[in-house]
Amino acid sequence: MILQKSEKNAEKRSHGGTGKIDKNLTENKLSSCIIDAAIEVHTVLGGPGLLESVYEIALAEELQRRSIPFQRQLVVPVNYKGKIIGEAFRLDLIVDNTVIVEVKATEQLHNVHSAQVLTYLRLTQKKLGLVLNFGQPLLRDGICRVVNNF
Protein backbone atom coordinates (compact mmCIF):
# COMPACT_ATOMS: atom_id res chain seq x y z
CA MET A 1 0.00 0.00 0.00
CA ILE A 2 1.29 3.45 -0.90
CA LEU A 3 0.38 6.52 1.07
CA GLN A 4 -0.05 9.46 -1.23
CA LYS A 5 -0.69 12.91 0.21
CA SER A 6 -4.30 12.88 -0.98
CA GLU A 7 -4.84 9.42 0.54
CA LYS A 8 -3.27 10.61 3.76
CA ASN A 9 -5.79 13.44 3.99
CA ALA A 10 -8.61 11.02 3.18
CA GLU A 11 -7.33 8.71 5.93
CA LYS A 12 -8.01 11.35 8.60
CA ARG A 13 -11.34 10.68 10.20
CA SER A 14 -13.38 12.30 12.93
CA HIS A 15 -13.21 10.52 16.25
CA GLY A 16 -16.48 10.02 18.09
CA GLY A 17 -18.16 13.02 16.51
CA THR A 18 -15.91 15.36 18.49
CA GLY A 19 -14.22 16.76 15.40
CA LYS A 20 -10.83 15.48 16.58
CA ILE A 21 -8.69 13.77 13.97
CA ASP A 22 -7.67 10.24 14.90
CA LYS A 23 -3.96 10.27 14.05
CA ASN A 24 -3.68 6.60 15.05
CA LEU A 25 -5.33 5.64 11.77
CA THR A 26 -2.59 7.41 9.84
CA GLU A 27 0.22 6.12 12.08
CA ASN A 28 -1.03 2.54 11.91
CA LYS A 29 -1.49 2.61 8.13
CA LEU A 30 1.92 4.20 7.73
CA SER A 31 3.59 1.60 9.97
CA SER A 32 1.95 -1.14 7.91
CA CYS A 33 3.41 0.39 4.73
CA ILE A 34 6.85 0.61 6.35
CA ILE A 35 6.69 -3.04 7.41
CA ASP A 36 5.60 -4.08 3.90
CA ALA A 37 8.59 -2.22 2.46
CA ALA A 38 10.93 -3.81 5.02
CA ILE A 39 9.64 -7.29 4.16
CA GLU A 40 10.37 -6.59 0.49
CA VAL A 41 13.94 -5.53 1.37
CA HIS A 42 14.43 -8.64 3.51
CA THR A 43 13.07 -10.85 0.73
CA VAL A 44 15.26 -9.34 -1.99
CA LEU A 45 18.51 -9.01 -0.02
CA GLY A 46 17.98 -12.00 2.19
CA GLY A 47 18.83 -11.92 5.78
CA PRO A 48 20.60 -12.19 8.03
CA GLY A 49 24.11 -11.40 6.91
CA LEU A 50 24.46 -7.78 5.82
CA LEU A 51 25.34 -4.66 7.79
CA GLU A 52 22.63 -2.42 9.25
CA SER A 53 23.68 0.38 6.91
CA VAL A 54 22.97 -1.77 3.85
CA TYR A 55 19.46 -2.62 5.07
CA GLU A 56 18.85 1.03 5.96
CA ILE A 57 19.87 2.24 2.50
CA ALA A 58 17.77 -0.46 0.83
CA LEU A 59 14.75 0.39 3.01
CA ALA A 60 15.14 4.06 2.09
CA GLU A 61 15.25 3.08 -1.59
CA GLU A 62 12.11 0.94 -1.20
CA LEU A 63 10.24 3.75 0.58
CA GLN A 64 11.25 6.13 -2.19
CA ARG A 65 10.03 3.67 -4.86
CA ARG A 66 6.68 3.59 -3.05
CA SER A 67 6.52 7.41 -2.84
CA ILE A 68 6.50 7.33 0.95
CA PRO A 69 8.18 10.48 2.31
CA PHE A 70 11.04 10.02 4.78
CA GLN A 71 14.24 11.53 6.07
CA ARG A 72 17.35 9.49 6.71
CA GLN A 73 20.04 10.03 9.36
CA LEU A 74 18.20 13.05 10.77
CA VAL A 75 20.19 14.78 13.51
CA VAL A 76 18.06 15.54 16.56
CA PRO A 77 19.32 18.11 19.05
CA VAL A 78 18.62 17.73 22.76
CA ASN A 79 17.09 20.63 24.65
CA TYR A 80 18.01 20.77 28.33
CA LYS A 81 16.16 23.45 30.30
CA GLY A 82 15.84 25.66 27.27
CA LYS A 83 19.39 25.18 26.01
CA ILE A 84 20.45 23.00 23.10
CA ILE A 85 23.22 20.82 24.50
CA GLY A 86 24.28 19.08 21.34
CA GLU A 87 23.43 16.58 18.71
CA ALA A 88 22.54 13.64 20.88
CA PHE A 89 21.55 11.20 18.18
CA ARG A 90 20.65 10.52 14.57
CA LEU A 91 17.43 8.82 13.59
CA ASP A 92 17.94 6.04 11.07
CA LEU A 93 14.67 7.00 9.38
CA ILE A 94 11.68 9.15 10.19
CA VAL A 95 8.81 8.39 7.85
CA ASP A 96 6.37 11.15 6.92
CA ASN A 97 7.61 13.08 9.98
CA THR A 98 5.49 10.65 12.01
CA VAL A 99 7.03 7.20 12.56
CA ILE A 100 10.61 6.70 13.75
CA VAL A 101 12.35 3.62 12.33
CA GLU A 102 15.44 2.11 13.93
CA VAL A 103 17.18 -0.47 11.71
CA LYS A 104 19.07 -3.35 13.33
CA ALA A 105 20.91 -6.37 11.95
CA THR A 106 21.58 -8.38 15.06
CA GLU A 107 21.02 -11.95 16.17
CA GLN A 108 18.28 -10.87 18.57
CA LEU A 109 16.65 -7.71 19.87
CA HIS A 110 17.24 -6.63 23.43
CA ASN A 111 15.26 -4.33 25.72
CA VAL A 112 17.83 -1.60 25.14
CA HIS A 113 16.77 -1.37 21.47
CA SER A 114 13.16 -0.54 22.28
CA ALA A 115 14.30 1.74 25.13
CA GLN A 116 16.46 3.61 22.61
CA VAL A 117 13.49 4.17 20.31
CA LEU A 118 11.29 5.21 23.24
CA THR A 119 13.88 7.85 24.15
CA TYR A 120 13.87 9.07 20.54
CA LEU A 121 10.08 9.27 20.62
CA ARG A 122 10.07 11.27 23.85
CA LEU A 123 12.72 13.72 22.66
CA THR A 124 10.98 14.29 19.32
CA GLN A 125 7.47 14.18 20.81
CA LYS A 126 6.40 11.50 18.35
CA LYS A 127 4.08 8.66 19.24
CA LEU A 128 5.12 5.59 17.21
CA GLY A 129 8.44 3.92 16.49
CA LEU A 130 9.48 0.66 14.87
CA VAL A 131 12.57 -1.41 15.51
CA LEU A 132 13.21 -3.53 12.42
CA ASN A 133 15.77 -6.29 12.94
CA PHE A 134 16.93 -7.61 9.59
CA GLY A 135 19.19 -10.10 11.38
CA GLN A 136 16.35 -12.60 11.71
CA PRO A 137 15.64 -15.41 9.22
CA LEU A 138 12.02 -14.15 9.15
CA LEU A 139 11.62 -10.39 9.44
CA ARG A 140 8.28 -10.76 11.24
CA ASP A 141 10.28 -12.15 14.21
CA GLY A 142 12.36 -8.97 14.27
CA ILE A 143 9.65 -6.30 14.36
CA CYS A 144 9.03 -4.34 17.54
CA ARG A 145 6.48 -1.51 17.81
CA VAL A 146 7.26 1.14 20.41
CA VAL A 147 4.59 3.59 21.56
CA ASN A 148 5.20 6.81 23.45
CA ASN A 149 2.23 7.56 25.69
CA PHE A 150 3.51 11.07 26.40
C-alpha atoms as a PDB file:
ATOM      1  CA  MET A   1       0.000   0.000   0.000  1.00  0.00           C
ATOM      2  CA  ILE A   2       1.292   3.447  -0.898  1.00  0.00           C
ATOM      3  CA  LEU A   3       0.377   6.516   1.067  1.00  0.00           C
ATOM      4  CA  GLN A   4      -0.051   9.463  -1.230  1.00  0.00           C
ATOM      5  CA  LYS A   5      -0.686  12.911   0.206  1.00  0.00           C
ATOM      6  CA  SER A   6      -4.303  12.878  -0.983  1.00  0.00           C
ATOM      7  CA  GLU A   7      -4.837   9.424   0.539  1.00  0.00           C
ATOM      8  CA  LYS A   8      -3.273  10.613   3.755  1.00  0.00           C
ATOM      9  CA  ASN A   9      -5.791  13.438   3.994  1.00  0.00           C
ATOM     10  CA  ALA A  10      -8.608  11.016   3.183  1.00  0.00           C
ATOM     11  CA  GLU A  11      -7.328   8.709   5.930  1.00  0.00           C
ATOM     12  CA  LYS A  12      -8.012  11.351   8.601  1.00  0.00           C
ATOM     13  CA  ARG A  13     -11.344  10.677  10.204  1.00  0.00           C
ATOM     14  CA  SER A  14     -13.377  12.298  12.930  1.00  0.00           C
ATOM     15  CA  HIS A  15     -13.210  10.523  16.250  1.00  0.00           C
ATOM     16  CA  GLY A  16     -16.478  10.017  18.093  1.00  0.00           C
ATOM     17  CA  GLY A  17     -18.157  13.020  16.506  1.00  0.00           C
ATOM     18  CA  THR A  18     -15.908  15.364  18.493  1.00  0.00           C
ATOM     19  CA  GLY A  19     -14.221  16.763  15.402  1.00  0.00           C
ATOM     20  CA  LYS A  20     -10.832  15.482  16.582  1.00  0.00           C
ATOM     21  CA  ILE A  21      -8.691  13.767  13.975  1.00  0.00           C
ATOM     22  CA  ASP A  22      -7.666  10.245  14.898  1.00  0.00           C
ATOM     23  CA  LYS A  23      -3.959  10.272  14.050  1.00  0.00           C
ATOM     24  CA  ASN A  24      -3.680   6.603  15.053  1.00  0.00           C
ATOM     25  CA  LEU A  25      -5.334   5.640  11.773  1.00  0.00           C
ATOM     26  CA  THR A  26      -2.591   7.412   9.835  1.00  0.00           C
ATOM     27  CA  GLU A  27       0.218   6.115  12.076  1.00  0.00           C
ATOM     28  CA  ASN A  28      -1.034   2.540  11.909  1.00  0.00           C
ATOM     29  CA  LYS A  29      -1.489   2.615   8.134  1.00  0.00           C
ATOM     30  CA  LEU A  30       1.925   4.199   7.732  1.00  0.00           C
ATOM     31  CA  SER A  31       3.592   1.596   9.969  1.00  0.00           C
ATOM     32  CA  SER A  32       1.948  -1.135   7.907  1.00  0.00           C
ATOM     33  CA  CYS A  33       3.406   0.395   4.727  1.00  0.00           C
ATOM     34  CA  ILE A  34       6.853   0.606   6.348  1.00  0.00           C
ATOM     35  CA  ILE A  35       6.693  -3.043   7.413  1.00  0.00           C
ATOM     36  CA  ASP A  36       5.597  -4.083   3.897  1.00  0.00           C
ATOM     37  CA  ALA A  37       8.594  -2.216   2.460  1.00  0.00           C
ATOM     38  CA  ALA A  38      10.930  -3.813   5.022  1.00  0.00           C
ATOM     39  CA  ILE A  39       9.640  -7.288   4.155  1.00  0.00           C
ATOM     40  CA  GLU A  40      10.373  -6.586   0.495  1.00  0.00           C
ATOM     41  CA  VAL A  41      13.945  -5.529   1.371  1.00  0.00           C
ATOM     42  CA  HIS A  42      14.428  -8.638   3.511  1.00  0.00           C
ATOM     43  CA  THR A  43      13.066 -10.852   0.730  1.00  0.00           C
ATOM     44  CA  VAL A  44      15.259  -9.338  -1.987  1.00  0.00           C
ATOM     45  CA  LEU A  45      18.505  -9.015  -0.015  1.00  0.00           C
ATOM     46  CA  GLY A  46      17.979 -12.001   2.188  1.00  0.00           C
ATOM     47  CA  GLY A  47      18.828 -11.915   5.777  1.00  0.00           C
ATOM     48  CA  PRO A  48      20.598 -12.186   8.028  1.00  0.00           C
ATOM     49  CA  GLY A  49      24.106 -11.401   6.908  1.00  0.00           C
ATOM     50  CA  LEU A  50      24.464  -7.783   5.823  1.00  0.00           C
ATOM     51  CA  LEU A  51      25.339  -4.659   7.790  1.00  0.00           C
ATOM     52  CA  GLU A  52      22.626  -2.416   9.250  1.00  0.00           C
ATOM     53  CA  SER A  53      23.678   0.377   6.912  1.00  0.00           C
ATOM     54  CA  VAL A  54      22.970  -1.775   3.847  1.00  0.00           C
ATOM     55  CA  TYR A  55      19.459  -2.623   5.066  1.00  0.00           C
ATOM     56  CA  GLU A  56      18.849   1.029   5.961  1.00  0.00           C
ATOM     57  CA  ILE A  57      19.869   2.243   2.497  1.00  0.00           C
ATOM     58  CA  ALA A  58      17.765  -0.459   0.830  1.00  0.00           C
ATOM     59  CA  LEU A  59      14.746   0.391   3.012  1.00  0.00           C
ATOM     60  CA  ALA A  60      15.135   4.063   2.091  1.00  0.00           C
ATOM     61  CA  GLU A  61      15.246   3.080  -1.591  1.00  0.00           C
ATOM     62  CA  GLU A  62      12.111   0.943  -1.197  1.00  0.00           C
ATOM     63  CA  LEU A  63      10.237   3.747   0.583  1.00  0.00           C
ATOM     64  CA  GLN A  64      11.251   6.126  -2.194  1.00  0.00           C
ATOM     65  CA  ARG A  65      10.034   3.667  -4.859  1.00  0.00           C
ATOM     66  CA  ARG A  66       6.685   3.588  -3.053  1.00  0.00           C
ATOM     67  CA  SER A  67       6.521   7.406  -2.839  1.00  0.00           C
ATOM     68  CA  ILE A  68       6.500   7.328   0.954  1.00  0.00           C
ATOM     69  CA  PRO A  69       8.176  10.485   2.308  1.00  0.00           C
ATOM     70  CA  PHE A  70      11.036  10.023   4.778  1.00  0.00           C
ATOM     71  CA  GLN A  71      14.237  11.534   6.070  1.00  0.00           C
ATOM     72  CA  ARG A  72      17.350   9.491   6.712  1.00  0.00           C
ATOM     73  CA  GLN A  73      20.043  10.029   9.361  1.00  0.00           C
ATOM     74  CA  LEU A  74      18.199  13.047  10.771  1.00  0.00           C
ATOM     75  CA  VAL A  75      20.191  14.777  13.506  1.00  0.00           C
ATOM     76  CA  VAL A  76      18.062  15.537  16.556  1.00  0.00           C
ATOM     77  CA  PRO A  77      19.323  18.115  19.049  1.00  0.00           C
ATOM     78  CA  VAL A  78      18.620  17.725  22.756  1.00  0.00           C
ATOM     79  CA  ASN A  79      17.086  20.626  24.647  1.00  0.00           C
ATOM     80  CA  TYR A  80      18.013  20.771  28.327  1.00  0.00           C
ATOM     81  CA  LYS A  81      16.163  23.449  30.301  1.00  0.00           C
ATOM     82  CA  GLY A  82      15.837  25.659  27.265  1.00  0.00           C
ATOM     83  CA  LYS A  83      19.391  25.177  26.015  1.00  0.00           C
ATOM     84  CA  ILE A  84      20.454  23.002  23.096  1.00  0.00           C
ATOM     85  CA  ILE A  85      23.216  20.817  24.504  1.00  0.00           C
ATOM     86  CA  GLY A  86      24.276  19.081  21.338  1.00  0.00           C
ATOM     87  CA  GLU A  87      23.429  16.579  18.706  1.00  0.00           C
ATOM     88  CA  ALA A  88      22.538  13.635  20.883  1.00  0.00           C
ATOM     89  CA  PHE A  89      21.552  11.198  18.177  1.00  0.00           C
ATOM     90  CA  ARG A  90      20.652  10.523  14.574  1.00  0.00           C
ATOM     91  CA  LEU A  91      17.431   8.825  13.588  1.00  0.00           C
ATOM     92  CA  ASP A  92      17.943   6.037  11.074  1.00  0.00           C
ATOM     93  CA  LEU A  93      14.673   7.004   9.384  1.00  0.00           C
ATOM     94  CA  ILE A  94      11.684   9.149  10.187  1.00  0.00           C
ATOM     95  CA  VAL A  95       8.813   8.391   7.851  1.00  0.00           C
ATOM     96  CA  ASP A  96       6.375  11.152   6.924  1.00  0.00           C
ATOM     97  CA  ASN A  97       7.615  13.076   9.976  1.00  0.00           C
ATOM     98  CA  THR A  98       5.487  10.653  12.012  1.00  0.00           C
ATOM     99  CA  VAL A  99       7.031   7.201  12.555  1.00  0.00           C
ATOM    100  CA  ILE A 100      10.614   6.695  13.746  1.00  0.00           C
ATOM    101  CA  VAL A 101      12.345   3.621  12.332  1.00  0.00           C
ATOM    102  CA  GLU A 102      15.445   2.105  13.927  1.00  0.00           C
ATOM    103  CA  VAL A 103      17.182  -0.471  11.714  1.00  0.00           C
ATOM    104  CA  LYS A 104      19.075  -3.346  13.328  1.00  0.00           C
ATOM    105  CA  ALA A 105      20.911  -6.371  11.946  1.00  0.00           C
ATOM    106  CA  THR A 106      21.576  -8.379  15.057  1.00  0.00           C
ATOM    107  CA  GLU A 107      21.020 -11.950  16.172  1.00  0.00           C
ATOM    108  CA  GLN A 108      18.276 -10.866  18.565  1.00  0.00           C
ATOM    109  CA  LEU A 109      16.647  -7.713  19.865  1.00  0.00           C
ATOM    110  CA  HIS A 110      17.243  -6.630  23.432  1.00  0.00           C
ATOM    111  CA  ASN A 111      15.262  -4.328  25.720  1.00  0.00           C
ATOM    112  CA  VAL A 112      17.827  -1.596  25.140  1.00  0.00           C
ATOM    113  CA  HIS A 113      16.773  -1.373  21.471  1.00  0.00           C
ATOM    114  CA  SER A 114      13.155  -0.540  22.284  1.00  0.00           C
ATOM    115  CA  ALA A 115      14.305   1.744  25.127  1.00  0.00           C
ATOM    116  CA  GLN A 116      16.464   3.613  22.612  1.00  0.00           C
ATOM    117  CA  VAL A 117      13.486   4.174  20.314  1.00  0.00           C
ATOM    118  CA  LEU A 118      11.285   5.209  23.239  1.00  0.00           C
ATOM    119  CA  THR A 119      13.881   7.849  24.146  1.00  0.00           C
ATOM    120  CA  TYR A 120      13.871   9.070  20.537  1.00  0.00           C
ATOM    121  CA  LEU A 121      10.076   9.267  20.622  1.00  0.00           C
ATOM    122  CA  ARG A 122      10.066  11.265  23.849  1.00  0.00           C
ATOM    123  CA  LEU A 123      12.718  13.723  22.662  1.00  0.00           C
ATOM    124  CA  THR A 124      10.983  14.292  19.323  1.00  0.00           C
ATOM    125  CA  GLN A 125       7.465  14.183  20.807  1.00  0.00           C
ATOM    126  CA  LYS A 126       6.401  11.498  18.350  1.00  0.00           C
ATOM    127  CA  LYS A 127       4.078   8.658  19.236  1.00  0.00           C
ATOM    128  CA  LEU A 128       5.117   5.588  17.215  1.00  0.00           C
ATOM    129  CA  GLY A 129       8.437   3.923  16.487  1.00  0.00           C
ATOM    130  CA  LEU A 130       9.481   0.661  14.867  1.00  0.00           C
ATOM    131  CA  VAL A 131      12.574  -1.409  15.506  1.00  0.00           C
ATOM    132  CA  LEU A 132      13.211  -3.531  12.422  1.00  0.00           C
ATOM    133  CA  ASN A 133      15.774  -6.286  12.945  1.00  0.00           C
ATOM    134  CA  PHE A 134      16.933  -7.613   9.589  1.00  0.00           C
ATOM    135  CA  GLY A 135      19.188 -10.100  11.381  1.00  0.00           C
ATOM    136  CA  GLN A 136      16.348 -12.598  11.707  1.00  0.00           C
ATOM    137  CA  PRO A 137      15.638 -15.408   9.223  1.00  0.00           C
ATOM    138  CA  LEU A 138      12.021 -14.149   9.151  1.00  0.00           C
ATOM    139  CA  LEU A 139      11.618 -10.392   9.440  1.00  0.00           C
ATOM    140  CA  ARG A 140       8.280 -10.765  11.244  1.00  0.00           C
ATOM    141  CA  ASP A 141      10.282 -12.147  14.206  1.00  0.00           C
ATOM    142  CA  GLY A 142      12.360  -8.969  14.270  1.00  0.00           C
ATOM    143  CA  ILE A 143       9.651  -6.299  14.362  1.00  0.00           C
ATOM    144  CA  CYS A 144       9.029  -4.340  17.541  1.00  0.00           C
ATOM    145  CA  ARG A 145       6.478  -1.507  17.809  1.00  0.00           C
ATOM    146  CA  VAL A 146       7.261   1.141  20.408  1.00  0.00           C
ATOM    147  CA  VAL A 147       4.588   3.592  21.558  1.00  0.00           C
ATOM    148  CA  ASN A 148       5.200   6.806  23.451  1.00  0.00           C
ATOM    149  CA  ASN A 149       2.230   7.560  25.694  1.00  0.00           C
ATOM    150  CA  PHE A 150       3.513  11.072  26.402  1.00  0.00           C
END
